[in-house]
Every structure is written in C-alpha cells, then in structure tokens.
C-alpha cells in the first residue's frame, strides 16, 4: 500500500480509535491510563502517519486539545526553523515504516519553544503487520543549553589563548589590539572596537572588526577620527570604574548615539532587530 504524509500541517483528522492496534476496548482504556500517567509526551499514529492520540502530558505541555493536535495539527507547534526538517524525517520514517529519533523545538503552553527529543517505533500486530507508530518526546532544553554553554566556554578559552599569543607577539599596541579585535568577531560579537584614551575627553580608535553586514558602517566610524566621550557611555563607566560593563539590551537611543548618521544607523538597526 502506498503511504503518503503531507509535508505541511493539514486539517485535524477524526478520532481513529477503531483503527487502534488493540483487540478490545479494555486494552484501549488500559493504554490510555498508562500513557496519561507517563511523564513523557506520548502519541500514536496510524499506518498513514496521521496521529490520532496524544496523552495528557502532551496536551498539558502544548496547551492544546486532542482535536487541534490530531492528524497533522501537531506540526503547527514545531518551531518554524525546524518544521521542514522534522516533517521530512517523519515522512521518510512513515514511507520506510521504520523508527526514528529527532531533536526539534516544540511550542509549549506559555508560547515558548523547548527542545525535545522525539523517538518513535513502529507498531505491529500479532501477525507482524505494520499498524502505525507510537512515539514519545522528552524535554531536553536544559541539556541543549548546557551543551551550548560548554561550547561558548571553550570558545572563550580559545579566544584568551589566541589573544595572549597576539599580545605577547608584537611591540606595536595598535597592531596587536586590532588583531585581538579580529579574534572576537564572529566568535563572540558582530562588532568589536578597541579604543584608547587620547586627549582629554577623547577616545582614539586603534582597532575594529565587524561582520560583513556592518563593514561599511564600521569603516565610516573608524575613519571619523577621535570620538568625544558621552557622559553616560559605557566607555566612561569602564574608564572611571576600571570594571567591565554589560549592557543586556540595546535601545534605539544607544544606537543613535553609536551611529553618526542614517547610513550608519540603518544597518545597525537591521542587525539588532534580527537578533
């Protein structure tokens, strides 16, 4: 029999309890009881790949009801960036009637996306005839974030090692500091400036690096010569306090102060808004 699953979310399919891989209603009730007690997100699909059952854990996680999730409705909760790849994996498994494992982001009841690990295995009747899939998902957001944090820490260590080599390998401060700025992009930043205190009230830019999107804007700022301190700027706070300054959110006011004209401001705003 030819099996085909749509690659885009379609209308919810009706309940398929009569086609479930259970011989008696009592077995259906027993399965529901076990599935609803499980801490994992669970689902069951028919031979056509359309999912007809989701346990209470899944429904509580997504904040949706069975009718919304049934059929291909569940795929509406997949993060847009992950949906095509996830559905391709699912379609291939249905065609091959084989189990699979996939990681993707699934929206929860608060509107946030969480990373989940989904594993599915084929259902077979006593005569070994293929009868659909049963699958479960586990929330692995903490694991993914921990892995990302470890990667970032390793990048930081590598940056410090490379920066140490640059700082010890040249007697020219401008050349050395500019090389350090190049190391920071794009590993940690889209733009990196190195400014030294010059004449009273002025900063002299001795190094800069930027992503390709901001190349022209940064070049214009670098060529503009010494810049005046802004009384409440991060540079003044760093110079006066001798400590790093972290700015968690870049406001429009900060962008306007950062850019010296519309041609510089526009690419900066575009990049920040894309984040």
Protein backbone atom coordinates (compact mmCIF):
# COMPACT_ATOMS: atom_id res chain seq x y z
CA UNK A 1 0.00 0.00 0.00
CA UNK A 2 1.29 3.44 -0.89
CA UNK A 3 1.81 5.66 2.16
CA UNK A 4 1.93 9.41 1.91
CA UNK A 5 2.04 12.13 4.55
CA UNK A 6 1.56 15.80 3.74
CA UNK A 7 4.61 17.96 4.36
CA UNK A 8 2.54 20.85 5.69
CA UNK A 9 0.02 20.92 8.56
CA UNK A 10 -3.41 19.94 7.35
CA UNK A 11 -6.85 19.82 8.95
CA UNK A 12 -7.28 17.71 12.02
CA UNK A 13 -8.23 14.13 11.34
CA UNK A 14 -11.15 12.47 13.14
CA UNK A 15 -10.58 10.12 16.03
CA UNK A 16 -9.13 6.79 14.90
CA UNK A 17 -9.83 4.71 17.98
CA UNK A 18 -11.49 1.96 15.92
CA UNK A 19 -8.25 1.52 14.00
CA UNK A 20 -6.11 1.39 17.11
CA UNK A 21 -3.76 -1.61 17.46
CA UNK A 22 -5.75 -3.09 20.32
CA UNK A 23 -8.09 -6.04 20.23
CA UNK A 24 -10.60 -4.93 22.89
CA UNK A 25 -11.91 -1.63 24.33
CA UNK A 26 -10.43 -2.62 27.69
CA UNK A 27 -6.97 -2.59 26.12
CA UNK A 28 -7.59 0.92 24.79
CA UNK A 29 -8.56 2.08 28.27
CA UNK A 30 -5.51 0.40 29.78
CA UNK A 31 -3.22 2.04 27.23
CA UNK A 32 -4.75 5.46 27.88
CA UNK A 33 -4.28 5.03 31.63
CA UNK A 34 -0.63 4.09 31.26
CA UNK A 35 0.08 6.79 28.66
CA UNK A 36 -1.59 9.55 30.68
CA UNK A 37 0.45 8.56 33.74
CA UNK A 38 3.73 8.80 31.83
CA UNK A 39 5.88 11.90 32.40
CA UNK A 40 6.90 11.89 28.74
CA UNK A 41 4.89 13.38 25.86
CA UNK A 42 3.35 10.44 24.00
CA UNK A 43 1.41 9.97 20.77
CA UNK A 44 0.09 7.25 18.46
CA UNK A 45 -0.24 7.40 14.66
CA UNK A 46 -1.93 5.16 12.09
CA UNK A 47 -0.36 3.47 9.08
CA UNK A 48 -0.77 6.72 7.12
CA UNK A 49 1.29 8.65 9.66
CA UNK A 50 -1.63 10.73 10.88
CA UNK A 51 -1.52 10.98 14.66
CA UNK A 52 -4.81 10.19 16.40
CA UNK A 53 -3.87 10.05 20.10
CA UNK A 54 -1.85 12.33 22.40
CA UNK A 55 -1.52 11.68 26.12
CA UNK A 56 -2.49 14.22 28.75
CA UNK A 57 1.18 15.15 29.30
CA UNK A 58 1.48 16.23 25.65
CA UNK A 59 -1.76 18.21 25.78
CA UNK A 60 -0.78 19.93 29.04
CA UNK A 61 2.64 20.81 27.61
CA UNK A 62 1.30 22.30 24.37
CA UNK A 63 -1.85 23.83 25.89
CA UNK A 64 -3.91 22.39 23.02
CA UNK A 65 -6.74 19.85 22.86
CA UNK A 66 -6.82 16.49 21.11
CA UNK A 67 -8.81 17.79 18.14
CA UNK A 68 -6.24 20.52 17.46
CA UNK A 69 -3.30 18.13 17.52
CA UNK A 70 -4.90 15.24 15.60
CA UNK A 71 -3.87 14.42 12.06
CA UNK A 72 -1.05 16.81 11.18
CA UNK A 73 -2.26 19.55 13.52
CA UNK A 74 0.53 18.80 15.98
CA UNK A 75 3.13 20.02 13.47
CA UNK A 76 1.86 23.59 13.84
CA UNK A 77 3.63 23.64 17.21
CA UNK A 78 7.06 22.93 15.72
CA UNK A 79 9.39 25.93 15.54
CA UNK A 80 9.26 27.39 12.01
CA UNK A 81 13.00 26.90 11.58
CA UNK A 82 12.74 23.20 12.47
CA UNK A 83 9.43 22.29 10.82
CA UNK A 84 10.61 21.36 7.32
CA UNK A 85 13.45 19.14 8.55
CA UNK A 86 11.29 17.47 11.19
CA UNK A 87 8.47 16.71 8.75
CA UNK A 88 10.98 15.37 6.22
CA UNK A 89 12.31 12.98 8.87
CA UNK A 90 8.79 11.95 9.83
CA UNK A 91 7.64 11.44 6.23
CA UNK A 92 10.70 9.30 5.46
CA UNK A 93 10.04 7.13 8.53
CA UNK A 94 6.40 6.63 7.51
CA UNK A 95 7.40 5.69 3.98
CA UNK A 96 10.00 3.22 5.25
CA UNK A 97 7.85 2.08 8.19
CA UNK A 98 10.90 2.41 10.42
CA UNK A 99 11.53 4.06 13.75
CA UNK A 100 13.39 7.33 14.05
CA UNK A 101 14.91 9.81 16.50
CA UNK A 102 14.86 13.58 16.07
CA UNK A 103 15.51 16.76 18.03
CA UNK A 104 13.43 19.87 17.39
CA UNK A 105 11.80 22.80 19.16
CA UNK A 106 8.17 22.45 20.20
CA UNK A 107 5.98 25.29 21.46
CA UNK A 108 4.62 24.98 24.98
CA UNK A 109 1.51 26.41 26.62
CA UNK A 110 3.26 29.69 27.51
CA UNK A 111 4.29 30.37 23.91
CA UNK A 112 7.94 29.47 24.46
CA UNK A 113 9.82 26.88 22.41
CA UNK A 114 11.53 23.99 24.16
CA UNK A 115 13.95 21.50 22.68
CA UNK A 116 12.54 17.98 22.66
CA UNK A 117 13.98 14.60 21.75
CA UNK A 118 11.38 12.51 19.94
CA UNK A 119 11.71 8.76 19.47
CA UNK A 120 9.19 6.68 17.55
CA UNK A 121 8.89 2.96 16.91
CA UNK A 122 6.60 1.01 14.55
CA UNK A 123 3.51 -0.71 15.95
CA UNK A 124 2.89 -4.25 14.71
CA UNK A 125 0.03 -6.61 15.31
CA UNK A 126 0.46 -10.19 16.44
CA UNK A 127 0.87 -11.25 12.82
CA UNK A 128 3.68 -8.66 12.43
CA UNK A 129 1.61 -6.49 10.09
CA UNK A 130 2.63 -2.81 10.35
CA UNK A 131 -0.07 -0.83 12.17
CA UNK A 132 1.36 2.66 12.71
CA UNK A 133 3.71 4.28 15.20
CA UNK A 134 3.95 5.05 18.87
CA UNK A 135 6.26 7.86 19.91
CA UNK A 136 7.36 9.91 22.86
CA UNK A 137 9.15 13.21 23.44
CA UNK A 138 11.42 14.29 26.28
CA UNK A 139 12.19 17.92 27.12
CA UNK A 140 15.96 18.31 26.61
CA UNK A 141 16.14 22.11 26.77
CA UNK A 142 18.46 22.09 29.79
CA UNK A 143 20.78 19.61 28.10
CA UNK A 144 20.91 21.66 24.90
CA UNK A 145 21.56 24.87 26.82
CA UNK A 146 24.28 23.19 28.88
CA UNK A 147 25.94 21.95 25.70
CA UNK A 148 25.73 25.45 24.18
CA UNK A 149 27.24 26.92 27.34
CA UNK A 150 30.12 24.43 27.18
CA UNK A 151 30.80 25.32 23.55
CA UNK A 152 30.80 29.02 24.46
CA UNK A 153 33.18 28.39 27.36
CA UNK A 154 35.56 26.52 25.08
CA UNK A 155 35.43 29.39 22.61
CA UNK A 156 36.25 31.80 25.42
CA UNK A 157 39.25 29.75 26.47
CA UNK A 158 40.48 29.57 22.89
CA UNK A 159 39.99 33.33 22.50
CA UNK A 160 42.02 34.02 25.64
CA UNK A 161 44.79 31.71 24.46
CA UNK A 162 44.91 33.31 20.99
CA UNK A 163 44.70 36.82 22.46
CA UNK A 164 47.59 36.03 24.78
CA UNK A 165 49.71 35.00 21.81
CA UNK A 166 48.85 38.22 19.95
CA UNK A 167 49.51 40.43 22.97
CA UNK A 168 52.91 38.88 23.59
CA UNK A 169 53.99 38.72 19.96
CA UNK A 170 54.10 42.38 18.92
CA UNK A 171 55.56 45.62 20.25
CA UNK A 172 53.01 47.70 18.32
CA UNK A 173 49.96 48.34 20.50
CA UNK A 174 47.63 49.37 17.64
CA UNK A 175 48.52 46.32 15.52
CA UNK A 176 48.24 43.96 18.47
CA UNK A 177 44.91 45.34 19.70
CA UNK A 178 43.48 45.29 16.20
CA UNK A 179 44.43 41.61 15.92
CA UNK A 180 42.65 40.89 19.19
CA UNK A 181 39.53 42.60 17.82
CA UNK A 182 39.68 40.33 14.76
CA UNK A 183 39.68 37.30 17.04
CA UNK A 184 36.44 38.40 18.72
CA UNK A 185 34.38 38.52 15.50
CA UNK A 186 32.34 36.48 14.78
CA UNK A 187 33.05 34.12 17.69
CA UNK A 188 31.56 36.49 20.29
CA UNK A 189 30.34 39.61 18.56
CA UNK A 190 29.14 41.25 15.37
CA UNK A 191 31.31 44.30 16.08
CA UNK A 192 34.39 44.82 18.23
CA UNK A 193 36.09 48.19 18.84
CA UNK A 194 39.32 48.85 20.67
CA UNK A 195 39.61 52.45 21.91
CA UNK A 196 42.47 54.03 23.82
CA UNK A 197 42.26 57.15 25.94
CA UNK A 198 43.71 60.03 23.95
CA UNK A 199 43.45 63.76 24.55
CA UNK A 200 41.24 64.83 27.47
CA UNK A 201 37.66 63.88 26.71
CA UNK A 202 38.55 61.86 23.63
CA UNK A 203 38.93 58.21 22.64
CA UNK A 204 41.23 57.13 19.83
CA UNK A 205 40.09 54.05 17.93
CA UNK A 206 43.05 51.74 17.29
CA UNK A 207 41.28 48.53 16.32
CA UNK A 208 37.98 47.28 14.96
CA UNK A 209 36.38 44.19 13.47
CA UNK A 210 32.90 43.55 12.17
CA UNK A 211 30.71 41.14 10.29
CA UNK A 212 30.20 41.66 6.57
CA UNK A 213 26.79 43.29 7.09
CA UNK A 214 28.34 46.11 9.12
CA UNK A 215 31.56 46.54 7.17
CA UNK A 216 30.74 49.90 5.54
CA UNK A 217 29.14 51.36 8.65
CA UNK A 218 32.08 50.46 10.88
CA UNK A 219 34.59 51.67 8.31
CA UNK A 220 32.89 55.08 8.28
CA UNK A 221 33.05 55.31 12.06
CA UNK A 222 36.66 54.19 12.19
CA UNK A 223 37.69 56.85 9.66
CA UNK A 224 35.93 59.65 11.53
CA UNK A 225 38.86 60.17 13.90
CA UNK A 226 38.79 60.66 17.70
CA UNK A 227 35.36 60.46 19.31
CA UNK A 228 34.11 62.54 22.21
CA UNK A 229 33.07 60.87 25.43
CA UNK A 230 29.36 60.64 26.11
CA UNK A 231 28.98 61.33 29.85
CA UNK A 232 26.85 58.24 30.45
CA UNK A 233 28.53 55.99 27.90
CA UNK A 234 29.92 52.56 28.64
CA UNK A 235 33.41 53.82 27.80
CA UNK A 236 33.28 56.44 30.55
CA UNK A 237 31.90 53.94 33.04
CA UNK A 238 34.69 51.49 32.19
CA UNK A 239 37.43 54.13 32.37
CA UNK A 240 36.18 55.59 35.63
CA UNK A 241 35.40 52.29 37.34
CA UNK A 242 38.03 50.02 35.85
CA UNK A 243 35.47 47.21 35.51
CA UNK A 244 33.69 45.58 32.53
CA UNK A 245 30.20 46.86 31.73
CA UNK A 246 27.47 44.55 30.45
CA UNK A 247 24.54 46.06 28.57
CA UNK A 248 21.73 43.46 28.33
CA UNK A 249 19.59 45.35 25.83
CA UNK A 250 20.49 47.82 23.09
CA UNK A 251 17.94 50.65 22.93
CA UNK A 252 17.17 52.96 19.99
CA UNK A 253 18.80 55.82 21.92
CA UNK A 254 22.02 53.84 22.25
CA UNK A 255 22.01 53.03 18.53
CA UNK A 256 21.56 56.69 17.64
CA UNK A 257 24.48 57.64 19.88
CA UNK A 258 26.56 54.83 18.41
CA UNK A 259 25.92 55.87 14.78
CA UNK A 260 26.95 59.21 13.35
CA UNK A 261 24.40 59.29 10.52
CA UNK A 262 21.49 57.47 8.81
CA UNK A 263 23.79 55.45 6.56
CA UNK A 264 25.45 54.01 9.65
CA UNK A 265 22.31 53.74 11.77
CA UNK A 266 20.25 51.70 9.28
CA UNK A 267 22.48 48.59 9.09
CA UNK A 268 22.97 48.69 12.85
CA UNK A 269 19.22 48.74 13.49
CA UNK A 270 18.66 45.97 10.94
CA UNK A 271 21.20 43.70 12.60
CA UNK A 272 19.90 44.32 16.14
CA UNK A 273 16.28 43.78 15.11
CA UNK A 274 17.24 40.45 13.52
CA UNK A 275 18.56 39.17 16.84
